[in-house]
């Protein structure tokens, strides 16, 4: 800050900034407004399709709809290493999805566990082996019995309250599992 005539303070940097010509961010070899081609599969600009999990589908779409751009992009890929070298994910993201193993249908077991003095929870195991989504089953139990139901473990549902008798009739009705495949284990300890 400098002091000007009359005791007013003037910012010297403001005057210098006004005299400098502003630099333009426009490129000389591009024509404006820019036209961007978006992929019909992933809806991203075609330059970013390689980061999409469905890259093969994007390449097919690009080869059909814009072959000249497809040739340019594939030439750049070959220079960088081609498709033979797959990029490995280093950190973050979902990575590789786990494939669920096929399990033979097991018996569905229902047991009752004591939580506090007169409080009980009902534990249901074995629904996942019958190709039933355990989370959907927990939601169905919670709405049917008006209580809390949660998934704990890979194939275990914990229902608040003692509903073993009601479950013996509800499971065959809702999920079409034979009553012979349902077993009541009674009381269990923690």
N, C-alpha and C. Protein backbone atom coordinates (compact mmCIF):
# COMPACT_ATOMS: atom_id res chain seq x y z
N UNK A 1 0.84 -1.17 0.00
CA UNK A 1 0.00 0.00 0.00
C UNK A 1 0.89 1.24 0.00
N UNK A 2 0.54 2.18 -0.79
CA UNK A 2 1.29 3.44 -0.85
C UNK A 2 0.33 4.58 -0.55
N UNK A 3 0.89 5.67 -0.06
CA UNK A 3 0.04 6.80 0.29
C UNK A 3 0.07 7.80 -0.86
N UNK A 4 -1.09 8.18 -1.36
CA UNK A 4 -1.20 9.11 -2.48
C UNK A 4 -1.47 10.50 -1.95
N UNK A 5 -1.65 11.46 -2.89
CA UNK A 5 -1.93 12.84 -2.51
C UNK A 5 -3.24 12.91 -1.77
N UNK A 6 -3.32 13.68 -0.76
CA UNK A 6 -4.54 13.86 -0.01
C UNK A 6 -4.68 12.84 1.12
N UNK A 7 -3.66 12.01 1.39
CA UNK A 7 -3.67 11.07 2.50
C UNK A 7 -4.42 9.78 2.24
N UNK A 8 -4.87 9.55 0.99
CA UNK A 8 -5.57 8.31 0.68
C UNK A 8 -4.56 7.20 0.37
N UNK A 9 -4.89 5.99 0.78
CA UNK A 9 -4.02 4.87 0.48
C UNK A 9 -4.45 4.23 -0.83
N UNK A 10 -3.47 3.93 -1.68
CA UNK A 10 -3.74 3.34 -2.98
C UNK A 10 -2.99 2.02 -3.08
N UNK A 11 -3.65 1.00 -3.58
CA UNK A 11 -3.02 -0.28 -3.78
C UNK A 11 -2.25 -0.24 -5.10
N UNK A 12 -0.95 -0.40 -4.99
CA UNK A 12 -0.10 -0.31 -6.17
C UNK A 12 -0.33 -1.52 -7.08
N UNK A 13 -0.60 -2.66 -6.52
CA UNK A 13 -0.78 -3.88 -7.31
C UNK A 13 -2.00 -3.81 -8.21
N UNK A 14 -3.04 -3.08 -7.83
CA UNK A 14 -4.24 -2.97 -8.66
C UNK A 14 -3.93 -2.28 -9.98
N UNK A 15 -3.15 -1.24 -9.94
CA UNK A 15 -2.81 -0.50 -11.15
C UNK A 15 -1.97 -1.36 -12.09
N UNK A 16 -1.05 -2.12 -11.53
CA UNK A 16 -0.18 -2.96 -12.34
C UNK A 16 -0.98 -4.06 -13.02
N UNK A 17 -1.95 -4.64 -12.30
CA UNK A 17 -2.76 -5.70 -12.87
C UNK A 17 -3.62 -5.20 -14.02
N UNK A 18 -4.10 -4.00 -13.92
CA UNK A 18 -4.95 -3.46 -14.98
C UNK A 18 -4.15 -3.23 -16.26
N UNK A 19 -2.87 -2.91 -16.16
CA UNK A 19 -2.06 -2.61 -17.34
C UNK A 19 -1.64 -3.89 -18.07
N UNK A 20 -1.54 -5.02 -17.38
CA UNK A 20 -1.13 -6.27 -18.03
C UNK A 20 -2.26 -6.81 -18.89
N UNK A 21 -1.92 -7.26 -20.08
CA UNK A 21 -2.98 -7.88 -20.90
C UNK A 21 -3.33 -9.26 -20.33
N UNK A 22 -4.61 -9.58 -20.33
CA UNK A 22 -5.06 -10.87 -19.80
C UNK A 22 -4.76 -11.95 -20.82
N UNK A 23 -4.28 -13.10 -20.30
CA UNK A 23 -3.96 -14.21 -21.18
C UNK A 23 -5.23 -14.99 -21.47
N UNK A 24 -5.41 -15.36 -22.70
CA UNK A 24 -6.57 -16.13 -23.10
C UNK A 24 -6.26 -17.61 -22.98
N UNK A 25 -7.21 -18.38 -22.49
CA UNK A 25 -7.02 -19.81 -22.33
C UNK A 25 -7.45 -20.58 -23.58
N UNK A 26 -7.87 -19.89 -24.62
CA UNK A 26 -8.30 -20.54 -25.84
C UNK A 26 -7.09 -21.04 -26.62
N UNK A 27 -7.24 -22.20 -27.20
CA UNK A 27 -6.18 -22.77 -28.01
C UNK A 27 -6.33 -22.27 -29.45
N UNK A 28 -5.20 -22.03 -30.09
CA UNK A 28 -5.23 -21.46 -31.44
C UNK A 28 -5.69 -22.47 -32.48
N UNK A 29 -5.41 -23.78 -32.26
CA UNK A 29 -5.75 -24.77 -33.26
C UNK A 29 -7.17 -25.31 -33.11
N UNK A 30 -7.92 -24.87 -32.11
CA UNK A 30 -9.28 -25.36 -31.91
C UNK A 30 -10.29 -24.34 -32.42
N UNK A 31 -11.43 -24.83 -32.87
CA UNK A 31 -12.49 -23.94 -33.31
C UNK A 31 -13.58 -23.91 -32.24
N UNK A 32 -14.03 -22.76 -31.91
CA UNK A 32 -15.01 -22.59 -30.84
C UNK A 32 -16.36 -22.26 -31.40
N UNK A 33 -17.46 -22.66 -30.85
CA UNK A 33 -17.60 -23.50 -29.66
C UNK A 33 -17.16 -24.93 -29.95
N UNK A 34 -16.61 -25.58 -28.94
CA UNK A 34 -16.13 -26.94 -29.10
C UNK A 34 -17.29 -27.91 -29.26
N UNK A 35 -17.10 -28.90 -30.12
CA UNK A 35 -18.10 -29.95 -30.28
C UNK A 35 -17.54 -31.21 -29.64
N UNK A 36 -18.26 -31.73 -28.66
CA UNK A 36 -17.81 -32.90 -27.92
C UNK A 36 -18.68 -34.08 -28.31
N UNK A 37 -18.06 -35.19 -28.64
CA UNK A 37 -18.78 -36.40 -28.99
C UNK A 37 -18.92 -37.26 -27.73
N UNK A 38 -20.17 -37.55 -27.38
CA UNK A 38 -20.45 -38.36 -26.20
C UNK A 38 -20.77 -39.78 -26.62
N UNK A 39 -20.30 -40.73 -25.83
CA UNK A 39 -20.50 -42.15 -26.10
C UNK A 39 -21.96 -42.51 -25.88
N UNK A 40 -22.48 -43.38 -26.72
CA UNK A 40 -23.87 -43.81 -26.59
C UNK A 40 -24.05 -44.88 -25.53
N UNK A 41 -22.97 -45.47 -25.04
CA UNK A 41 -23.07 -46.52 -24.03
C UNK A 41 -22.92 -45.95 -22.63
N UNK A 42 -21.81 -45.24 -22.39
CA UNK A 42 -21.53 -44.76 -21.03
C UNK A 42 -21.86 -43.28 -20.85
N UNK A 43 -22.25 -42.57 -21.88
CA UNK A 43 -22.63 -41.15 -21.89
C UNK A 43 -21.52 -40.22 -21.42
N UNK A 44 -20.27 -40.65 -21.54
CA UNK A 44 -19.14 -39.79 -21.22
C UNK A 44 -18.49 -39.38 -22.54
N UNK A 45 -17.64 -38.36 -22.54
CA UNK A 45 -16.89 -38.07 -23.75
C UNK A 45 -16.07 -39.29 -24.15
N UNK A 46 -15.92 -39.52 -25.47
CA UNK A 46 -15.30 -40.75 -25.95
C UNK A 46 -13.85 -40.89 -25.48
N UNK A 47 -13.20 -39.80 -25.13
CA UNK A 47 -11.82 -39.87 -24.65
C UNK A 47 -11.74 -40.54 -23.28
N UNK A 48 -12.84 -40.55 -22.54
CA UNK A 48 -12.85 -41.10 -21.19
C UNK A 48 -13.49 -42.49 -21.11
N UNK A 49 -13.88 -43.05 -22.24
CA UNK A 49 -14.53 -44.36 -22.25
C UNK A 49 -13.61 -45.45 -21.71
N UNK A 50 -12.31 -45.29 -21.86
CA UNK A 50 -11.39 -46.34 -21.42
C UNK A 50 -11.42 -46.53 -19.90
N UNK A 51 -11.95 -45.58 -19.15
CA UNK A 51 -12.04 -45.69 -17.71
C UNK A 51 -13.35 -46.32 -17.27
N UNK A 52 -14.22 -46.62 -18.21
CA UNK A 52 -15.52 -47.22 -17.92
C UNK A 52 -15.37 -48.74 -17.84
N UNK A 53 -16.07 -49.40 -16.92
CA UNK A 53 -15.99 -50.86 -16.85
C UNK A 53 -16.48 -51.56 -18.12
N UNK A 54 -17.38 -50.93 -18.86
CA UNK A 54 -17.92 -51.52 -20.09
C UNK A 54 -17.19 -50.97 -21.31
N UNK A 55 -15.86 -50.96 -21.25
CA UNK A 55 -15.05 -50.37 -22.31
C UNK A 55 -15.22 -51.09 -23.63
N UNK A 56 -15.40 -52.40 -23.59
CA UNK A 56 -15.57 -53.17 -24.85
C UNK A 56 -16.82 -52.74 -25.59
N UNK A 57 -17.91 -52.52 -24.84
CA UNK A 57 -19.15 -52.06 -25.47
C UNK A 57 -18.97 -50.66 -26.06
N UNK A 58 -18.22 -49.81 -25.36
CA UNK A 58 -17.98 -48.46 -25.86
C UNK A 58 -17.17 -48.50 -27.15
N UNK A 59 -16.19 -49.41 -27.23
CA UNK A 59 -15.39 -49.52 -28.45
C UNK A 59 -16.24 -49.97 -29.63
N UNK A 60 -17.16 -50.92 -29.40
CA UNK A 60 -18.05 -51.36 -30.47
C UNK A 60 -18.92 -50.21 -30.97
N UNK A 61 -19.45 -49.43 -30.02
CA UNK A 61 -20.32 -48.31 -30.39
C UNK A 61 -19.52 -47.28 -31.19
N UNK A 62 -18.31 -46.99 -30.74
CA UNK A 62 -17.49 -46.00 -31.40
C UNK A 62 -17.08 -46.46 -32.80
N UNK A 63 -16.79 -47.76 -32.96
CA UNK A 63 -16.43 -48.29 -34.27
C UNK A 63 -17.60 -48.19 -35.24
N UNK A 64 -18.82 -48.37 -34.76
CA UNK A 64 -19.99 -48.28 -35.62
C UNK A 64 -20.36 -46.85 -35.98
N UNK A 65 -20.26 -45.93 -35.03
CA UNK A 65 -20.77 -44.58 -35.23
C UNK A 65 -19.72 -43.56 -35.68
N UNK A 66 -18.48 -43.78 -35.33
CA UNK A 66 -17.45 -42.80 -35.70
C UNK A 66 -16.13 -43.53 -35.96
N UNK A 67 -15.99 -44.18 -37.13
CA UNK A 67 -14.81 -45.02 -37.38
C UNK A 67 -13.49 -44.25 -37.44
N UNK A 68 -13.51 -42.99 -37.94
CA UNK A 68 -12.25 -42.24 -38.03
C UNK A 68 -11.69 -41.92 -36.64
N UNK A 69 -12.55 -41.55 -35.72
CA UNK A 69 -12.12 -41.28 -34.35
C UNK A 69 -11.71 -42.57 -33.66
N UNK A 70 -12.39 -43.66 -34.00
CA UNK A 70 -12.05 -44.97 -33.42
C UNK A 70 -10.63 -45.38 -33.81
N UNK A 71 -10.26 -45.15 -35.07
CA UNK A 71 -8.91 -45.50 -35.52
C UNK A 71 -7.86 -44.67 -34.80
N UNK A 72 -8.13 -43.37 -34.61
CA UNK A 72 -7.18 -42.51 -33.91
C UNK A 72 -6.99 -42.96 -32.46
N UNK A 73 -8.09 -43.27 -31.78
CA UNK A 73 -8.00 -43.68 -30.38
C UNK A 73 -7.34 -45.04 -30.22
N UNK A 74 -7.60 -45.97 -31.14
CA UNK A 74 -6.97 -47.28 -31.04
C UNK A 74 -5.48 -47.20 -31.35
N UNK A 75 -5.08 -46.29 -32.24
CA UNK A 75 -3.65 -46.10 -32.50
C UNK A 75 -2.95 -45.58 -31.25
N UNK A 76 -3.59 -44.68 -30.54
CA UNK A 76 -3.01 -44.18 -29.29
C UNK A 76 -2.91 -45.29 -28.25
N UNK A 77 -3.90 -46.19 -28.20
CA UNK A 77 -3.86 -47.31 -27.26
C UNK A 77 -2.69 -48.23 -27.57
N UNK A 78 -2.45 -48.50 -28.87
CA UNK A 78 -1.37 -49.40 -29.25
C UNK A 78 -0.02 -48.81 -28.89
N UNK A 79 0.13 -47.49 -29.02
CA UNK A 79 1.38 -46.85 -28.65
C UNK A 79 1.62 -46.95 -27.14
N UNK A 80 0.55 -46.89 -26.35
CA UNK A 80 0.69 -46.93 -24.90
C UNK A 80 0.82 -48.34 -24.35
N UNK A 81 0.61 -49.35 -25.16
CA UNK A 81 0.77 -50.71 -24.67
C UNK A 81 -0.34 -51.63 -25.11
N UNK A 82 -1.39 -51.12 -25.69
CA UNK A 82 -2.47 -51.95 -26.23
C UNK A 82 -3.36 -52.54 -25.15
N UNK A 83 -4.20 -53.47 -25.59
CA UNK A 83 -5.16 -54.10 -24.69
C UNK A 83 -4.55 -55.29 -23.96
N UNK A 84 -3.39 -55.77 -24.41
CA UNK A 84 -2.79 -56.94 -23.78
C UNK A 84 -2.41 -56.64 -22.33
N UNK A 85 -1.98 -55.42 -22.08
CA UNK A 85 -1.64 -55.03 -20.72
C UNK A 85 -2.87 -54.42 -20.08
N UNK A 86 -3.44 -55.11 -19.11
CA UNK A 86 -4.59 -54.55 -18.42
C UNK A 86 -4.09 -53.75 -17.24
N UNK A 87 -4.74 -52.63 -17.01
CA UNK A 87 -4.37 -51.81 -15.88
C UNK A 87 -4.94 -52.44 -14.61
N UNK A 88 -4.09 -52.61 -13.63
CA UNK A 88 -4.55 -53.16 -12.37
C UNK A 88 -4.92 -52.01 -11.45
N UNK A 89 -5.97 -52.23 -10.73
CA UNK A 89 -6.43 -51.22 -9.81
C UNK A 89 -5.52 -51.21 -8.59
N UNK A 90 -5.01 -50.05 -8.25
CA UNK A 90 -4.04 -49.97 -7.19
C UNK A 90 -4.69 -49.77 -5.82
N UNK A 91 -5.69 -48.90 -5.76
CA UNK A 91 -6.34 -48.67 -4.47
C UNK A 91 -7.71 -48.06 -4.69
N UNK A 92 -8.57 -48.21 -3.69
CA UNK A 92 -9.89 -47.62 -3.74
C UNK A 92 -10.82 -48.31 -4.73
N UNK A 93 -12.05 -47.89 -4.75
CA UNK A 93 -13.01 -48.43 -5.69
C UNK A 93 -13.49 -49.81 -5.29
N UNK A 94 -14.28 -50.40 -6.14
CA UNK A 94 -14.86 -51.70 -5.84
C UNK A 94 -13.92 -52.86 -6.12
N UNK A 95 -13.09 -52.72 -7.12
CA UNK A 95 -12.20 -53.82 -7.46
C UNK A 95 -12.97 -54.97 -8.07
N UNK A 96 -12.55 -56.16 -7.79
CA UNK A 96 -13.17 -57.35 -8.36
C UNK A 96 -14.32 -57.79 -7.45
N UNK A 97 -15.47 -58.02 -8.06
CA UNK A 97 -16.62 -58.47 -7.29
C UNK A 97 -16.45 -59.95 -6.97
N UNK A 98 -16.79 -60.35 -5.76
CA UNK A 98 -16.68 -61.74 -5.36
C UNK A 98 -17.84 -62.52 -5.94
N UNK A 99 -17.53 -63.69 -6.44
CA UNK A 99 -18.54 -64.56 -7.00
C UNK A 99 -19.03 -65.48 -5.89
N UNK A 100 -20.34 -65.54 -5.73
CA UNK A 100 -20.89 -66.40 -4.70
C UNK A 100 -20.85 -67.84 -5.16
N UNK A 101 -20.45 -68.70 -4.25
CA UNK A 101 -20.37 -70.11 -4.57
C UNK A 101 -21.75 -70.73 -4.48
N UNK A 102 -22.00 -71.69 -5.35
CA UNK A 102 -23.25 -72.43 -5.30
C UNK A 102 -23.20 -73.39 -4.13
N UNK A 103 -24.16 -73.26 -3.23
CA UNK A 103 -24.23 -74.10 -2.06
C UNK A 103 -25.48 -74.95 -2.17
N UNK A 104 -25.35 -76.20 -1.82
CA UNK A 104 -26.52 -77.07 -1.82
C UNK A 104 -27.49 -76.60 -0.74
N UNK A 105 -28.79 -76.66 -1.01
CA UNK A 105 -29.76 -76.22 0.00
C UNK A 105 -29.60 -77.00 1.31
N UNK A 106 -29.46 -76.24 2.38
CA UNK A 106 -29.32 -76.83 3.70
C UNK A 106 -30.64 -76.68 4.44
N UNK A 107 -30.71 -77.26 5.60
CA UNK A 107 -31.93 -77.08 6.40
C UNK A 107 -31.91 -75.69 7.01
N UNK A 108 -33.08 -75.11 7.09
CA UNK A 108 -33.23 -73.81 7.72
C UNK A 108 -33.41 -74.06 9.21
N UNK A 109 -32.54 -73.47 10.01
CA UNK A 109 -32.61 -73.68 11.45
C UNK A 109 -33.14 -72.43 12.13
N UNK A 110 -34.02 -72.65 13.09
CA UNK A 110 -34.61 -71.56 13.88
C UNK A 110 -34.26 -71.83 15.33
N UNK A 111 -33.69 -70.85 16.00
CA UNK A 111 -33.36 -71.02 17.41
C UNK A 111 -33.67 -69.73 18.17
N UNK A 112 -33.77 -69.88 19.48
CA UNK A 112 -34.10 -68.75 20.34
C UNK A 112 -32.93 -68.55 21.30
N UNK A 113 -32.49 -67.30 21.44
CA UNK A 113 -31.41 -66.97 22.37
C UNK A 113 -31.90 -65.92 23.36
N UNK A 114 -31.46 -66.05 24.60
CA UNK A 114 -31.85 -65.10 25.63
C UNK A 114 -30.86 -63.94 25.63
N UNK A 115 -31.36 -62.71 25.61
CA UNK A 115 -30.52 -61.52 25.63
C UNK A 115 -30.40 -60.96 27.04
N UNK A 116 -31.53 -60.63 27.63
CA UNK A 116 -31.54 -60.14 29.01
C UNK A 116 -32.44 -61.07 29.80
N UNK A 117 -32.88 -60.65 30.95
CA UNK A 117 -33.63 -61.56 31.82
C UNK A 117 -34.84 -62.16 31.12
N UNK A 118 -35.72 -61.35 30.57
CA UNK A 118 -36.92 -61.87 29.91
C UNK A 118 -36.99 -61.48 28.44
N UNK A 119 -35.86 -61.10 27.89
CA UNK A 119 -35.81 -60.68 26.48
C UNK A 119 -35.16 -61.77 25.64
N UNK A 120 -35.78 -62.05 24.50
CA UNK A 120 -35.27 -63.10 23.61
C UNK A 120 -35.12 -62.56 22.19
N UNK A 121 -34.24 -63.19 21.43
CA UNK A 121 -34.13 -62.95 19.99
C UNK A 121 -34.23 -64.30 19.29
N UNK A 122 -34.74 -64.29 18.09
CA UNK A 122 -34.86 -65.50 17.28
C UNK A 122 -33.82 -65.44 16.18
N UNK A 123 -33.06 -66.51 16.01
CA UNK A 123 -31.99 -66.56 15.01
C UNK A 123 -32.39 -67.55 13.93
N UNK A 124 -32.36 -67.10 12.67
CA UNK A 124 -32.70 -67.94 11.52
C UNK A 124 -31.44 -68.11 10.68
N UNK A 125 -31.05 -69.35 10.40
CA UNK A 125 -29.87 -69.63 9.58
C UNK A 125 -30.27 -70.57 8.44
N UNK A 126 -29.61 -70.43 7.29
CA UNK A 126 -29.78 -71.36 6.19
C UNK A 126 -30.68 -70.89 5.07
N UNK A 127 -31.23 -69.67 5.14
CA UNK A 127 -32.10 -69.19 4.05
C UNK A 127 -31.29 -68.88 2.79
N UNK A 128 -30.05 -68.44 2.96
CA UNK A 128 -29.21 -68.08 1.80
C UNK A 128 -28.90 -69.26 0.92
N UNK A 129 -28.87 -70.46 1.48
CA UNK A 129 -28.56 -71.64 0.66
C UNK A 129 -29.72 -72.04 -0.23
N UNK A 130 -30.90 -71.47 -0.01
CA UNK A 130 -32.08 -71.74 -0.84
C UNK A 130 -32.30 -70.64 -1.88
N UNK A 131 -31.24 -69.91 -2.22
CA UNK A 131 -31.28 -68.80 -3.19
C UNK A 131 -32.28 -67.72 -2.79
N UNK A 132 -32.32 -67.40 -1.51
CA UNK A 132 -33.17 -66.33 -0.99
C UNK A 132 -32.25 -65.22 -0.52
N UNK A 133 -32.54 -63.99 -0.93
CA UNK A 133 -31.75 -62.85 -0.49
C UNK A 133 -32.01 -62.63 1.00
N UNK A 134 -30.96 -62.69 1.78
CA UNK A 134 -31.09 -62.63 3.24
C UNK A 134 -31.60 -61.26 3.69
N UNK A 135 -31.20 -60.22 3.00
CA UNK A 135 -31.66 -58.87 3.39
C UNK A 135 -33.15 -58.70 3.12
N UNK A 136 -33.61 -59.22 2.00
CA UNK A 136 -35.04 -59.15 1.71
C UNK A 136 -35.84 -59.98 2.70
N UNK A 137 -35.30 -61.12 3.10
CA UNK A 137 -35.98 -61.96 4.09
C UNK A 137 -36.05 -61.25 5.44
N UNK A 138 -34.98 -60.57 5.84
CA UNK A 138 -34.99 -59.83 7.10
C UNK A 138 -36.02 -58.71 7.06
N UNK A 139 -36.14 -58.06 5.91
CA UNK A 139 -37.14 -57.00 5.76
C UNK A 139 -38.55 -57.57 5.85
N UNK A 140 -38.76 -58.75 5.26
CA UNK A 140 -40.08 -59.39 5.31
C UNK A 140 -40.43 -59.80 6.74
N UNK A 141 -39.45 -60.33 7.47
CA UNK A 141 -39.69 -60.71 8.87
C UNK A 141 -40.02 -59.49 9.72
N UNK A 142 -39.29 -58.39 9.50
CA UNK A 142 -39.51 -57.18 10.29
C UNK A 142 -40.91 -56.62 10.04
N UNK A 143 -41.36 -56.65 8.81
CA UNK A 143 -42.69 -56.11 8.52
C UNK A 143 -43.80 -57.06 8.97
N UNK A 144 -43.56 -58.34 8.88
CA UNK A 144 -44.57 -59.32 9.26
C UNK A 144 -44.79 -59.36 10.78
N UNK A 145 -43.69 -59.33 11.54
CA UNK A 145 -43.79 -59.47 12.99
C UNK A 145 -43.70 -58.13 13.72
N UNK A 146 -43.62 -57.03 13.00
CA UNK A 146 -43.54 -55.68 13.58
C UNK A 146 -42.44 -55.59 14.63
N UNK A 147 -41.25 -55.96 14.22
CA UNK A 147 -40.11 -55.91 15.13
C UNK A 147 -38.85 -55.63 14.31
N UNK A 148 -37.72 -55.55 15.00
CA UNK A 148 -36.46 -55.33 14.31
C UNK A 148 -35.88 -56.65 13.84
N UNK A 149 -35.33 -56.66 12.65
CA UNK A 149 -34.67 -57.84 12.12
C UNK A 149 -33.42 -57.38 11.38
N UNK A 150 -32.29 -58.04 11.66
CA UNK A 150 -31.05 -57.62 11.03
C UNK A 150 -30.28 -58.83 10.55
N UNK A 151 -29.42 -58.57 9.55
CA UNK A 151 -28.57 -59.62 9.01
C UNK A 151 -27.25 -59.56 9.75
N UNK A 152 -26.87 -60.65 10.37
CA UNK A 152 -25.57 -60.72 11.03
C UNK A 152 -24.88 -61.97 10.52
N UNK A 153 -23.77 -61.79 9.90
CA UNK A 153 -23.09 -62.92 9.29
C UNK A 153 -23.55 -63.08 7.85
N UNK A 154 -23.04 -64.11 7.22
CA UNK A 154 -23.32 -64.31 5.80
C UNK A 154 -24.71 -64.89 5.56
N UNK A 155 -25.15 -65.75 6.46
CA UNK A 155 -26.43 -66.43 6.26
C UNK A 155 -27.19 -66.53 7.58
N UNK A 156 -27.26 -65.41 8.31
CA UNK A 156 -27.91 -65.44 9.62
C UNK A 156 -28.76 -64.18 9.79
N UNK A 157 -29.98 -64.37 10.25
CA UNK A 157 -30.89 -63.26 10.51
C UNK A 157 -31.26 -63.29 11.98
N UNK A 158 -31.15 -62.15 12.65
CA UNK A 158 -31.52 -62.04 14.05
C UNK A 158 -32.80 -61.20 14.13
N UNK A 159 -33.84 -61.80 14.71
CA UNK A 159 -35.15 -61.14 14.82
C UNK A 159 -35.39 -60.85 16.30
N UNK A 160 -35.79 -59.64 16.62
CA UNK A 160 -36.06 -59.28 18.01
C UNK A 160 -37.36 -59.91 18.47
N UNK A 161 -37.31 -60.58 19.60
CA UNK A 161 -38.49 -61.20 20.15
C UNK A 161 -38.52 -62.69 19.87
N UNK A 162 -39.43 -63.38 20.56
CA UNK A 162 -39.58 -64.81 20.39
C UNK A 162 -40.71 -65.06 19.38
N UNK A 163 -40.34 -65.34 18.13
CA UNK A 163 -41.32 -65.55 17.07
C UNK A 163 -41.11 -66.91 16.41
N UNK A 164 -40.58 -67.87 17.15
CA UNK A 164 -40.27 -69.17 16.55
C UNK A 164 -41.51 -69.88 16.03
N UNK A 165 -42.61 -69.85 16.79
CA UNK A 165 -43.84 -70.53 16.36
C UNK A 165 -44.41 -69.91 15.09
N UNK A 166 -44.39 -68.60 15.03
CA UNK A 166 -44.91 -67.91 13.84
C UNK A 166 -44.01 -68.15 12.62
N UNK A 167 -42.70 -68.25 12.86
CA UNK A 167 -41.76 -68.48 11.75
C UNK A 167 -41.96 -69.84 11.11
N UNK A 168 -42.33 -70.83 11.92
CA UNK A 168 -42.51 -72.18 11.38
C UNK A 168 -43.63 -72.24 10.34
N UNK A 169 -44.59 -71.33 10.44
CA UNK A 169 -45.66 -71.30 9.44
C UNK A 169 -45.41 -70.24 8.36
N UNK A 170 -44.68 -69.17 8.71
CA UNK A 170 -44.46 -68.07 7.76
C UNK A 170 -43.42 -68.41 6.69
N UNK A 171 -42.35 -69.09 7.05
CA UNK A 171 -41.28 -69.38 6.09
C UNK A 171 -41.77 -70.26 4.94
N UNK A 172 -42.49 -71.37 5.19
CA UNK A 172 -42.96 -72.16 4.04
C UNK A 172 -43.96 -71.40 3.17
N UNK A 173 -44.75 -70.54 3.80
CA UNK A 173 -45.75 -69.76 3.06
C UNK A 173 -45.09 -68.71 2.17
N UNK A 174 -44.13 -67.97 2.72
CA UNK A 174 -43.51 -66.85 2.01
C UNK A 174 -42.45 -67.31 1.01
N UNK A 175 -41.57 -68.22 1.41
CA UNK A 175 -40.42 -68.57 0.59
C UNK A 175 -40.52 -69.93 -0.08
N UNK A 176 -41.62 -70.62 0.10
CA UNK A 176 -41.87 -71.93 -0.53
C UNK A 176 -40.77 -72.94 -0.22
N UNK A 177 -40.48 -73.07 1.04
CA UNK A 177 -39.52 -74.07 1.50
C UNK A 177 -40.32 -75.15 2.22
N UNK A 178 -40.04 -76.41 1.92
CA UNK A 178 -40.77 -77.51 2.56
C UNK A 178 -40.58 -77.47 4.07
N UNK A 179 -41.63 -77.86 4.78
CA UNK A 179 -41.56 -77.88 6.24
C UNK A 179 -40.55 -78.91 6.74
N UNK A 180 -40.24 -79.90 5.91
CA UNK A 180 -39.25 -80.89 6.31
C UNK A 180 -37.85 -80.30 6.36
N UNK A 181 -37.61 -79.22 5.61
CA UNK A 181 -36.30 -78.58 5.57
C UNK A 181 -36.15 -77.50 6.64
N UNK A 182 -37.14 -77.34 7.50
CA UNK A 182 -37.08 -76.35 8.57
C UNK A 182 -36.96 -77.09 9.89
N UNK A 183 -35.98 -76.67 10.68
CA UNK A 183 -35.73 -77.35 11.95
C UNK A 183 -35.73 -76.34 13.08
N UNK A 184 -36.45 -76.65 14.15
CA UNK A 184 -36.48 -75.79 15.34
C UNK A 184 -35.50 -76.35 16.35
N UNK A 185 -34.47 -75.59 16.66
CA UNK A 185 -33.43 -76.05 17.60
C UNK A 185 -33.77 -75.72 19.05
N UNK A 186 -34.79 -74.91 19.26
CA UNK A 186 -35.17 -74.55 20.63
C UNK A 186 -34.26 -73.46 21.18
N UNK A 187 -34.02 -73.52 22.50
CA UNK A 187 -33.18 -72.50 23.16
C UNK A 187 -31.69 -72.80 22.90
N UNK A 188 -30.95 -71.72 22.62
CA UNK A 188 -29.51 -71.83 22.47
C UNK A 188 -28.85 -70.82 23.38
N UNK A 189 -27.64 -71.10 23.77
CA UNK A 189 -26.86 -70.17 24.59
C UNK A 189 -26.02 -69.32 23.67
N UNK A 190 -25.61 -68.17 24.15
CA UNK A 190 -24.83 -67.22 23.36
C UNK A 190 -23.58 -67.82 22.82
